[in-house]
């Protein structure tokens, strides 16, 4: 367990251009100056663009990408290749000691093939080459953090047979926050947290409201994955869990967003200290 650890997840839409990537690198540097930090990133829109070039249709359920062999090849190349390397290089130019990783490196995360998914509409869907992280904390990440490095993790894993798997980045961030005993999980995306039907930010989401948002379809497909990851982290004891926009300011603490307040398994509540 790394004391004072923050797990920060960025959506890929915040990393697509030099300007946005620079802004997110500034935000990462700011957080890393205050606490030990692990960064997890997505890159879904770049994956979509590459799939379109190759004539592959995107298929997804509740924000989870259905991944066949051709899709997996693109996902690995985009996330572990372009997106991760560019972000690490940008951070390095700003003095951040970033180390690019995937969940397949060392003991970052154990990953197994995800079970068929029970969709909100009642259907059961085989997700293909999609991984579900599990297990205890990572000695590699703890060692890097203790040495003043910032692990930057692309959401690609591998099972015990060496099969590469596409892992949802929100799911991976929630797992790492839980397994590393993080103090905080911060998910930064393109919207100002969880929105109501009028587009206004819902400031606090508890367990009952989360169930309603997911159950009645008010939460978008991408937000379902975020909420599910936040619930897992909060239940594991992560003290502070937030979903914020990454588009307005490099100070993510000042960014509009939603606080997730769900009791942990030991009865304490995830909330601001």
C-alpha atoms as a PDB file:
ATOM      1  CA  UNK A   1       0.000   0.000   0.000  1.00  0.00           C
ATOM      2  CA  UNK A   2       1.307   3.453  -0.975  1.00  0.00           C
ATOM      3  CA  UNK A   3       0.327   6.165   1.495  1.00  0.00           C
ATOM      4  CA  UNK A   4      -1.324   9.237   0.018  1.00  0.00           C
ATOM      5  CA  UNK A   5      -1.773   7.636  -3.403  1.00  0.00           C
ATOM      6  CA  UNK A   6      -4.028   9.107  -6.089  1.00  0.00           C
ATOM      7  CA  UNK A   7      -5.152   7.118  -9.126  1.00  0.00           C
ATOM      8  CA  UNK A   8      -6.001   9.488 -11.973  1.00  0.00           C
ATOM      9  CA  UNK A   9      -7.753   8.260 -15.103  1.00  0.00           C
ATOM     10  CA  UNK A  10      -7.999  10.346 -18.274  1.00  0.00           C
ATOM     11  CA  UNK A  11     -10.358   9.683 -21.128  1.00  0.00           C
ATOM     12  CA  UNK A  12      -8.658   9.429 -24.499  1.00  0.00           C
ATOM     13  CA  UNK A  13     -10.534  12.473 -25.816  1.00  0.00           C
ATOM     14  CA  UNK A  14      -8.406  14.590 -23.466  1.00  0.00           C
ATOM     15  CA  UNK A  15      -5.162  13.363 -25.051  1.00  0.00           C
ATOM     16  CA  UNK A  16      -5.856  13.542 -28.787  1.00  0.00           C
ATOM     17  CA  UNK A  17      -4.159  16.842 -29.681  1.00  0.00           C
ATOM     18  CA  UNK A  18      -0.887  18.440 -28.625  1.00  0.00           C
ATOM     19  CA  UNK A  19      -2.806  21.213 -26.865  1.00  0.00           C
ATOM     20  CA  UNK A  20      -5.050  18.871 -24.891  1.00  0.00           C
ATOM     21  CA  UNK A  21      -2.219  16.508 -24.080  1.00  0.00           C
ATOM     22  CA  UNK A  22      -0.154  19.438 -22.795  1.00  0.00           C
ATOM     23  CA  UNK A  23      -3.031  20.581 -20.590  1.00  0.00           C
ATOM     24  CA  UNK A  24      -3.454  17.101 -19.149  1.00  0.00           C
ATOM     25  CA  UNK A  25       0.287  16.788 -18.581  1.00  0.00           C
ATOM     26  CA  UNK A  26       0.109  20.033 -16.612  1.00  0.00           C
ATOM     27  CA  UNK A  27      -2.722  18.570 -14.535  1.00  0.00           C
ATOM     28  CA  UNK A  28      -0.736  15.378 -13.952  1.00  0.00           C
ATOM     29  CA  UNK A  29       2.306  17.352 -12.855  1.00  0.00           C
ATOM     30  CA  UNK A  30       0.171  19.364 -10.453  1.00  0.00           C
ATOM     31  CA  UNK A  31      -1.292  16.253  -8.815  1.00  0.00           C
ATOM     32  CA  UNK A  32       2.104  14.507  -8.695  1.00  0.00           C
ATOM     33  CA  UNK A  33       3.544  17.408  -6.712  1.00  0.00           C
ATOM     34  CA  UNK A  34       0.983  16.810  -3.963  1.00  0.00           C
ATOM     35  CA  UNK A  35       0.832  13.002  -3.747  1.00  0.00           C
ATOM     36  CA  UNK A  36       2.091   9.742  -5.163  1.00  0.00           C
ATOM     37  CA  UNK A  37       0.290   9.244  -8.449  1.00  0.00           C
ATOM     38  CA  UNK A  38      -0.690   6.510 -10.894  1.00  0.00           C
ATOM     39  CA  UNK A  39      -2.162   7.557 -14.248  1.00  0.00           C
ATOM     40  CA  UNK A  40      -4.460   5.320 -16.297  1.00  0.00           C
ATOM     41  CA  UNK A  41      -5.536   6.399 -19.769  1.00  0.00           C
ATOM     42  CA  UNK A  42      -7.970   5.422 -22.454  1.00  0.00           C
ATOM     43  CA  UNK A  43      -7.894   6.222 -26.150  1.00  0.00           C
ATOM     44  CA  UNK A  44     -11.190   4.995 -27.504  1.00  0.00           C
ATOM     45  CA  UNK A  45     -11.744   7.656 -30.138  1.00  0.00           C
ATOM     46  CA  UNK A  46      -8.324   7.043 -31.698  1.00  0.00           C
ATOM     47  CA  UNK A  47      -9.127   3.339 -31.708  1.00  0.00           C
ATOM     48  CA  UNK A  48     -12.445   4.110 -33.429  1.00  0.00           C
ATOM     49  CA  UNK A  49     -10.656   6.180 -36.078  1.00  0.00           C
ATOM     50  CA  UNK A  50      -8.147   3.425 -36.834  1.00  0.00           C
ATOM     51  CA  UNK A  51     -10.925   0.841 -36.987  1.00  0.00           C
ATOM     52  CA  UNK A  52     -12.791   2.989 -39.502  1.00  0.00           C
ATOM     53  CA  UNK A  53      -9.673   3.224 -41.673  1.00  0.00           C
ATOM     54  CA  UNK A  54      -9.488  -0.578 -41.689  1.00  0.00           C
ATOM     55  CA  UNK A  55     -13.210  -0.979 -42.359  1.00  0.00           C
ATOM     56  CA  UNK A  56     -14.014  -2.494 -38.966  1.00  0.00           C
ATOM     57  CA  UNK A  57     -17.323  -1.582 -37.331  1.00  0.00           C
ATOM     58  CA  UNK A  58     -17.306  -0.685 -33.653  1.00  0.00           C
ATOM     59  CA  UNK A  59     -19.462  -2.822 -31.371  1.00  0.00           C
ATOM     60  CA  UNK A  60     -20.015  -1.989 -27.715  1.00  0.00           C
ATOM     61  CA  UNK A  61     -22.416  -2.636 -24.857  1.00  0.00           C
ATOM     62  CA  UNK A  62     -22.853  -0.283 -21.887  1.00  0.00           C
ATOM     63  CA  UNK A  63     -19.583   1.439 -22.734  1.00  0.00           C
ATOM     64  CA  UNK A  64     -17.601  -1.815 -23.015  1.00  0.00           C
ATOM     65  CA  UNK A  65     -15.982  -2.479 -26.395  1.00  0.00           C
ATOM     66  CA  UNK A  66     -16.656  -5.899 -27.903  1.00  0.00           C
ATOM     67  CA  UNK A  67     -13.182  -6.928 -29.029  1.00  0.00           C
ATOM     68  CA  UNK A  68     -12.473  -9.464 -31.760  1.00  0.00           C
ATOM     69  CA  UNK A  69      -8.959 -10.350 -32.938  1.00  0.00           C
ATOM     70  CA  UNK A  70      -8.711  -7.547 -35.527  1.00  0.00           C
ATOM     71  CA  UNK A  71     -10.024  -4.986 -33.068  1.00  0.00           C
ATOM     72  CA  UNK A  72      -7.587  -6.169 -30.404  1.00  0.00           C
ATOM     73  CA  UNK A  73      -4.620  -5.622 -32.714  1.00  0.00           C
ATOM     74  CA  UNK A  74      -5.683  -2.013 -33.249  1.00  0.00           C
ATOM     75  CA  UNK A  75      -6.444  -1.418 -29.567  1.00  0.00           C
ATOM     76  CA  UNK A  76      -2.993  -2.643 -28.509  1.00  0.00           C
ATOM     77  CA  UNK A  77      -1.221  -0.543 -31.130  1.00  0.00           C
ATOM     78  CA  UNK A  78      -3.110   2.633 -30.306  1.00  0.00           C
ATOM     79  CA  UNK A  79      -3.179   2.441 -26.498  1.00  0.00           C
ATOM     80  CA  UNK A  80       0.162   0.800 -25.676  1.00  0.00           C
ATOM     81  CA  UNK A  81       1.845   2.471 -28.639  1.00  0.00           C
ATOM     82  CA  UNK A  82       0.812   5.948 -29.730  1.00  0.00           C
ATOM     83  CA  UNK A  83      -1.259   7.221 -26.826  1.00  0.00           C
ATOM     84  CA  UNK A  84       0.967   5.965 -24.011  1.00  0.00           C
ATOM     85  CA  UNK A  85       4.272   6.917 -25.611  1.00  0.00           C
ATOM     86  CA  UNK A  86       3.137  10.420 -26.579  1.00  0.00           C
ATOM     87  CA  UNK A  87       1.832  11.121 -23.086  1.00  0.00           C
ATOM     88  CA  UNK A  88       5.003   9.834 -21.410  1.00  0.00           C
ATOM     89  CA  UNK A  89       7.117  11.970 -23.755  1.00  0.00           C
ATOM     90  CA  UNK A  90       5.043  15.078 -23.029  1.00  0.00           C
ATOM     91  CA  UNK A  91       5.309  14.492 -19.287  1.00  0.00           C
ATOM     92  CA  UNK A  92       9.053  13.993 -19.559  1.00  0.00           C
ATOM     93  CA  UNK A  93       9.409  17.335 -21.331  1.00  0.00           C
ATOM     94  CA  UNK A  94       7.730  18.943 -18.307  1.00  0.00           C
ATOM     95  CA  UNK A  95      10.006  17.326 -15.751  1.00  0.00           C
ATOM     96  CA  UNK A  96       7.639  14.540 -14.674  1.00  0.00           C
ATOM     97  CA  UNK A  97       9.434  11.210 -14.206  1.00  0.00           C
ATOM     98  CA  UNK A  98       6.815   9.213 -16.092  1.00  0.00           C
ATOM     99  CA  UNK A  99       7.147   5.502 -16.846  1.00  0.00           C
ATOM    100  CA  UNK A 100       4.957   3.983 -19.552  1.00  0.00           C
ATOM    101  CA  UNK A 101       3.368   0.643 -18.673  1.00  0.00           C
ATOM    102  CA  UNK A 102       0.483  -1.630 -19.522  1.00  0.00           C
ATOM    103  CA  UNK A 103      -1.422  -3.886 -17.153  1.00  0.00           C
ATOM    104  CA  UNK A 104       0.542  -6.756 -18.739  1.00  0.00           C
ATOM    105  CA  UNK A 105       3.868  -5.449 -17.393  1.00  0.00           C
ATOM    106  CA  UNK A 106       5.280  -7.046 -14.251  1.00  0.00           C
ATOM    107  CA  UNK A 107       2.549  -7.397 -11.659  1.00  0.00           C
ATOM    108  CA  UNK A 108       0.644  -4.212 -12.525  1.00  0.00           C
ATOM    109  CA  UNK A 109      -2.612  -6.190 -12.629  1.00  0.00           C
ATOM    110  CA  UNK A 110      -3.636  -9.809 -12.994  1.00  0.00           C
ATOM    111  CA  UNK A 111      -6.188 -10.068 -15.794  1.00  0.00           C
ATOM    112  CA  UNK A 112      -8.555 -12.824 -16.853  1.00  0.00           C
ATOM    113  CA  UNK A 113     -10.963 -13.083 -19.761  1.00  0.00           C
ATOM    114  CA  UNK A 114     -14.134 -11.269 -18.783  1.00  0.00           C
ATOM    115  CA  UNK A 115     -17.250 -13.342 -18.272  1.00  0.00           C
ATOM    116  CA  UNK A 116     -20.174 -12.814 -20.666  1.00  0.00           C
ATOM    117  CA  UNK A 117     -21.693  -9.440 -19.851  1.00  0.00           C
ATOM    118  CA  UNK A 118     -25.266  -9.028 -18.596  1.00  0.00           C
ATOM    119  CA  UNK A 119     -26.399  -5.899 -20.432  1.00  0.00           C
ATOM    120  CA  UNK A 120     -28.903  -3.399 -19.093  1.00  0.00           C
ATOM    121  CA  UNK A 121     -31.476  -4.637 -21.643  1.00  0.00           C
ATOM    122  CA  UNK A 122     -31.219  -8.171 -20.247  1.00  0.00           C
ATOM    123  CA  UNK A 123     -29.104  -9.621 -23.044  1.00  0.00           C
ATOM    124  CA  UNK A 124     -25.960 -11.647 -22.331  1.00  0.00           C
ATOM    125  CA  UNK A 125     -23.043 -10.559 -24.512  1.00  0.00           C
ATOM    126  CA  UNK A 126     -19.687 -12.248 -25.160  1.00  0.00           C
ATOM    127  CA  UNK A 127     -17.172  -9.383 -25.089  1.00  0.00           C
ATOM    128  CA  UNK A 128     -14.427 -11.328 -26.865  1.00  0.00           C
ATOM    129  CA  UNK A 129     -10.824 -10.452 -26.017  1.00  0.00           C
ATOM    130  CA  UNK A 130     -11.771  -8.271 -23.056  1.00  0.00           C
ATOM    131  CA  UNK A 131     -10.071  -8.616 -19.705  1.00  0.00           C
ATOM    132  CA  UNK A 132     -11.228  -8.243 -16.125  1.00  0.00           C
ATOM    133  CA  UNK A 133      -8.519  -7.199 -13.629  1.00  0.00           C
ATOM    134  CA  UNK A 134      -8.317  -8.952 -10.276  1.00  0.00           C
ATOM    135  CA  UNK A 135      -5.943  -9.658  -7.422  1.00  0.00           C
ATOM    136  CA  UNK A 136      -3.800  -7.743  -4.974  1.00  0.00           C
ATOM    137  CA  UNK A 137      -1.656  -4.637  -5.274  1.00  0.00           C
ATOM    138  CA  UNK A 138       1.358  -4.224  -7.530  1.00  0.00           C
ATOM    139  CA  UNK A 139       4.875  -4.269  -6.102  1.00  0.00           C
ATOM    140  CA  UNK A 140       6.125  -2.738  -9.356  1.00  0.00           C
ATOM    141  CA  UNK A 141       3.836   0.273  -9.068  1.00  0.00           C
ATOM    142  CA  UNK A 142       4.570   0.704  -5.374  1.00  0.00           C
ATOM    143  CA  UNK A 143       8.320   0.600  -6.069  1.00  0.00           C
ATOM    144  CA  UNK A 144       8.033   3.167  -8.854  1.00  0.00           C
ATOM    145  CA  UNK A 145       5.906   5.498  -6.740  1.00  0.00           C
ATOM    146  CA  UNK A 146       8.296   5.184  -3.794  1.00  0.00           C
ATOM    147  CA  UNK A 147      11.124   6.184  -6.144  1.00  0.00           C
ATOM    148  CA  UNK A 148       9.341   9.341  -7.249  1.00  0.00           C
ATOM    149  CA  UNK A 149       8.186   8.017 -10.617  1.00  0.00           C
ATOM    150  CA  UNK A 150       4.698   8.364 -12.101  1.00  0.00           C
ATOM    151  CA  UNK A 151       3.451   5.112 -13.684  1.00  0.00           C
ATOM    152  CA  UNK A 152       1.353   5.807 -16.793  1.00  0.00           C
ATOM    153  CA  UNK A 153      -0.695   2.695 -17.504  1.00  0.00           C
ATOM    154  CA  UNK A 154      -2.345   1.804 -20.809  1.00  0.00           C
ATOM    155  CA  UNK A 155      -5.383  -0.405 -20.370  1.00  0.00           C
ATOM    156  CA  UNK A 156      -4.002  -3.548 -22.022  1.00  0.00           C
ATOM    157  CA  UNK A 157      -3.583  -6.719 -19.959  1.00  0.00           C
ATOM    158  CA  UNK A 158      -2.636 -10.349 -20.473  1.00  0.00           C
ATOM    159  CA  UNK A 159      -3.953 -13.542 -18.931  1.00  0.00           C
ATOM    160  CA  UNK A 160      -1.858 -16.439 -17.620  1.00  0.00           C
ATOM    161  CA  UNK A 161      -1.635 -17.908 -21.130  1.00  0.00           C
ATOM    162  CA  UNK A 162      -0.082 -14.710 -22.478  1.00  0.00           C
ATOM    163  CA  UNK A 163      -3.196 -13.697 -24.396  1.00  0.00           C
ATOM    164  CA  UNK A 164      -3.404  -9.916 -24.671  1.00  0.00           C
ATOM    165  CA  UNK A 165      -6.740  -8.489 -23.558  1.00  0.00           C
ATOM    166  CA  UNK A 166      -8.473  -5.142 -23.884  1.00  0.00           C
ATOM    167  CA  UNK A 167      -9.325  -3.803 -20.416  1.00  0.00           C
ATOM    168  CA  UNK A 168     -11.776  -0.952 -19.966  1.00  0.00           C
ATOM    169  CA  UNK A 169      -9.708   1.975 -18.668  1.00  0.00           C
ATOM    170  CA  UNK A 170     -12.276   3.005 -16.048  1.00  0.00           C
ATOM    171  CA  UNK A 171     -12.443  -0.578 -14.784  1.00  0.00           C
ATOM    172  CA  UNK A 172      -8.648  -0.750 -14.577  1.00  0.00           C
ATOM    173  CA  UNK A 173      -8.424   2.568 -12.733  1.00  0.00           C
ATOM    174  CA  UNK A 174     -11.012   1.459 -10.186  1.00  0.00           C
ATOM    175  CA  UNK A 175      -9.210  -1.840  -9.686  1.00  0.00           C
ATOM    176  CA  UNK A 176      -5.819  -0.190  -9.193  1.00  0.00           C
ATOM    177  CA  UNK A 177      -7.253   2.322  -6.732  1.00  0.00           C
ATOM    178  CA  UNK A 178      -8.759  -0.536  -4.733  1.00  0.00           C
ATOM    179  CA  UNK A 179      -5.846  -2.981  -4.912  1.00  0.00           C
ATOM    180  CA  UNK A 180      -3.207  -0.341  -4.137  1.00  0.00           C
ATOM    181  CA  UNK A 181      -5.175   1.078  -1.201  1.00  0.00           C
ATOM    182  CA  UNK A 182      -5.319   4.521  -2.818  1.00  0.00           C
ATOM    183  CA  UNK A 183      -6.674   7.490  -0.915  1.00  0.00           C
ATOM    184  CA  UNK A 184      -8.321   8.897  -4.013  1.00  0.00           C
ATOM    185  CA  UNK A 185      -9.708   7.894  -7.404  1.00  0.00           C
ATOM    186  CA  UNK A 186     -10.168  10.772  -9.828  1.00  0.00           C
ATOM    187  CA  UNK A 187     -11.725  10.120 -13.240  1.00  0.00           C
ATOM    188  CA  UNK A 188     -11.405  13.022 -15.691  1.00  0.00           C
ATOM    189  CA  UNK A 189     -13.448  12.972 -18.876  1.00  0.00           C
ATOM    190  CA  UNK A 190     -15.238  15.179 -21.332  1.00  0.00           C
ATOM    191  CA  UNK A 191     -18.287  16.040 -19.218  1.00  0.00           C
ATOM    192  CA  UNK A 192     -18.604  17.842 -15.888  1.00  0.00           C
ATOM    193  CA  UNK A 193     -19.240  14.672 -13.926  1.00  0.00           C
ATOM    194  CA  UNK A 194     -22.617  12.940 -13.911  1.00  0.00           C
ATOM    195  CA  UNK A 195     -25.275  15.077 -15.587  1.00  0.00           C
ATOM    196  CA  UNK A 196     -29.026  15.310 -15.018  1.00  0.00           C
ATOM    197  CA  UNK A 197     -31.487  15.302 -17.966  1.00  0.00           C
ATOM    198  CA  UNK A 198     -31.067  19.086 -18.322  1.00  0.00           C
ATOM    199  CA  UNK A 199     -27.294  18.788 -18.626  1.00  0.00           C
ATOM    200  CA  UNK A 200     -26.535  20.123 -15.147  1.00  0.00           C
ATOM    201  CA  UNK A 201     -23.939  18.454 -12.945  1.00  0.00           C
ATOM    202  CA  UNK A 202     -25.257  16.217 -10.170  1.00  0.00           C
ATOM    203  CA  UNK A 203     -22.926  17.197  -7.298  1.00  0.00           C
ATOM    204  CA  UNK A 204     -23.215  13.971  -5.270  1.00  0.00           C
ATOM    205  CA  UNK A 205     -24.191  10.441  -6.284  1.00  0.00           C
ATOM    206  CA  UNK A 206     -24.850   7.826  -3.596  1.00  0.00           C
ATOM    207  CA  UNK A 207     -25.518   4.133  -4.047  1.00  0.00           C
ATOM    208  CA  UNK A 208     -29.278   4.441  -4.443  1.00  0.00           C
ATOM    209  CA  UNK A 209     -29.035   7.198  -7.046  1.00  0.00           C
ATOM    210  CA  UNK A 210     -26.331   5.298  -8.905  1.00  0.00           C
ATOM    211  CA  UNK A 211     -28.582   2.246  -9.158  1.00  0.00           C
ATOM    212  CA  UNK A 212     -31.381   4.460 -10.500  1.00  0.00           C
ATOM    213  CA  UNK A 213     -29.153   6.178 -13.068  1.00  0.00           C
ATOM    214  CA  UNK A 214     -27.894   2.864 -14.403  1.00  0.00           C
ATOM    215  CA  UNK A 215     -31.185   0.998 -14.117  1.00  0.00           C
ATOM    216  CA  UNK A 216     -33.383   3.508 -15.947  1.00  0.00           C
ATOM    217  CA  UNK A 217     -30.851   4.324 -18.645  1.00  0.00           C
ATOM    218  CA  UNK A 218     -30.158   7.925 -17.634  1.00  0.00           C
ATOM    219  CA  UNK A 219     -26.441   7.167 -17.369  1.00  0.00           C
ATOM    220  CA  UNK A 220     -24.839   7.030 -20.812  1.00  0.00           C
ATOM    221  CA  UNK A 221     -22.984   3.916 -21.891  1.00  0.00           C
ATOM    222  CA  UNK A 222     -19.598   5.419 -21.080  1.00  0.00           C
ATOM    223  CA  UNK A 223     -20.810   6.744 -17.738  1.00  0.00           C
ATOM    224  CA  UNK A 224     -22.060   3.299 -16.685  1.00  0.00           C
ATOM    225  CA  UNK A 225     -18.489   1.989 -16.810  1.00  0.00           C
ATOM    226  CA  UNK A 226     -17.258   4.994 -14.811  1.00  0.00           C
ATOM    227  CA  UNK A 227     -19.929   4.635 -12.143  1.00  0.00           C
ATOM    228  CA  UNK A 228     -19.321   0.906 -11.802  1.00  0.00           C
ATOM    229  CA  UNK A 229     -15.576   1.488 -11.356  1.00  0.00           C
ATOM    230  CA  UNK A 230     -16.202   4.234  -8.809  1.00  0.00           C
ATOM    231  CA  UNK A 231     -18.543   2.019  -6.808  1.00  0.00           C
ATOM    232  CA  UNK A 232     -15.951  -0.774  -6.668  1.00  0.00           C
ATOM    233  CA  UNK A 233     -13.258   1.638  -5.489  1.00  0.00           C
ATOM    234  CA  UNK A 234     -15.470   3.260  -2.862  1.00  0.00           C
ATOM    235  CA  UNK A 235     -16.610  -0.100  -1.490  1.00  0.00           C
ATOM    236  CA  UNK A 236     -12.984  -1.176  -1.173  1.00  0.00           C
ATOM    237  CA  UNK A 237     -12.227   1.794   1.078  1.00  0.00           C
ATOM    238  CA  UNK A 238     -10.934   4.482  -1.301  1.00  0.00           C
ATOM    239  CA  UNK A 239     -11.741   7.582   0.743  1.00  0.00           C
ATOM    240  CA  UNK A 240     -12.451  10.060  -2.048  1.00  0.00           C
ATOM    241  CA  UNK A 241     -13.904   9.263  -5.461  1.00  0.00           C
ATOM    242  CA  UNK A 242     -14.734  11.923  -8.064  1.00  0.00           C
ATOM    243  CA  UNK A 243     -15.743  12.170 -11.722  1.00  0.00           C
ATOM    244  CA  UNK A 244     -14.812  15.579 -13.183  1.00  0.00           C
ATOM    245  CA  UNK A 245     -14.296  17.345 -16.489  1.00  0.00           C
ATOM    246  CA  UNK A 246     -10.750  17.585 -17.736  1.00  0.00           C
ATOM    247  CA  UNK A 247     -11.541  20.287 -20.281  1.00  0.00           C
ATOM    248  CA  UNK A 248     -11.774  23.441 -18.181  1.00  0.00           C
ATOM    249  CA  UNK A 249      -8.691  23.779 -16.000  1.00  0.00           C
ATOM    250  CA  UNK A 250      -5.408  22.074 -15.195  1.00  0.00           C
ATOM    251  CA  UNK A 251      -6.440  22.243 -11.529  1.00  0.00           C
ATOM    252  CA  UNK A 252      -8.661  19.183 -11.406  1.00  0.00           C
ATOM    253  CA  UNK A 253      -9.659  19.952  -7.814  1.00  0.00           C
ATOM    254  CA  UNK A 254     -11.357  23.081  -9.173  1.00  0.00           C
ATOM    255  CA  UNK A 255     -13.023  21.262 -12.074  1.00  0.00           C
ATOM    256  CA  UNK A 256     -16.803  20.807 -12.037  1.00  0.00           C
ATOM    257  CA  UNK A 257     -17.811  17.272 -11.255  1.00  0.00           C
ATOM    258  CA  UNK A 258     -19.569  14.685  -9.138  1.00  0.00           C
ATOM    259  CA  UNK A 259     -18.543  13.237  -5.783  1.00  0.00           C
ATOM    260  CA  UNK A 260     -19.318   9.525  -5.320  1.00  0.00           C
ATOM    261  CA  UNK A 261     -20.436   8.788  -1.756  1.00  0.00           C
ATOM    262  CA  UNK A 262     -20.860   5.064  -1.137  1.00  0.00           C
ATOM    263  CA  UNK A 263     -20.009   3.245   2.114  1.00  0.00           C
ATOM    264  CA  UNK A 264     -17.028   0.910   2.035  1.00  0.00           C
ATOM    265  CA  UNK A 265     -17.313  -2.716   3.036  1.00  0.00           C
ATOM    266  CA  UNK A 266     -16.147  -1.760   6.547  1.00  0.00           C
ATOM    267  CA  UNK A 267     -18.917   0.827   6.866  1.00  0.00           C
ATOM    268  CA  UNK A 268     -16.931   4.041   6.338  1.00  0.00           C
ATOM    269  CA  UNK A 269     -18.177   6.332   3.585  1.00  0.00           C
ATOM    270  CA  UNK A 270     -16.264   7.487   0.538  1.00  0.00           C
ATOM    271  CA  UNK A 271     -16.393  11.275   0.780  1.00  0.00           C
ATOM    272  CA  UNK A 272     -14.198  14.324   1.091  1.00  0.00           C
ATOM    273  CA  UNK A 273     -11.971  14.334   4.140  1.00  0.00           C
END
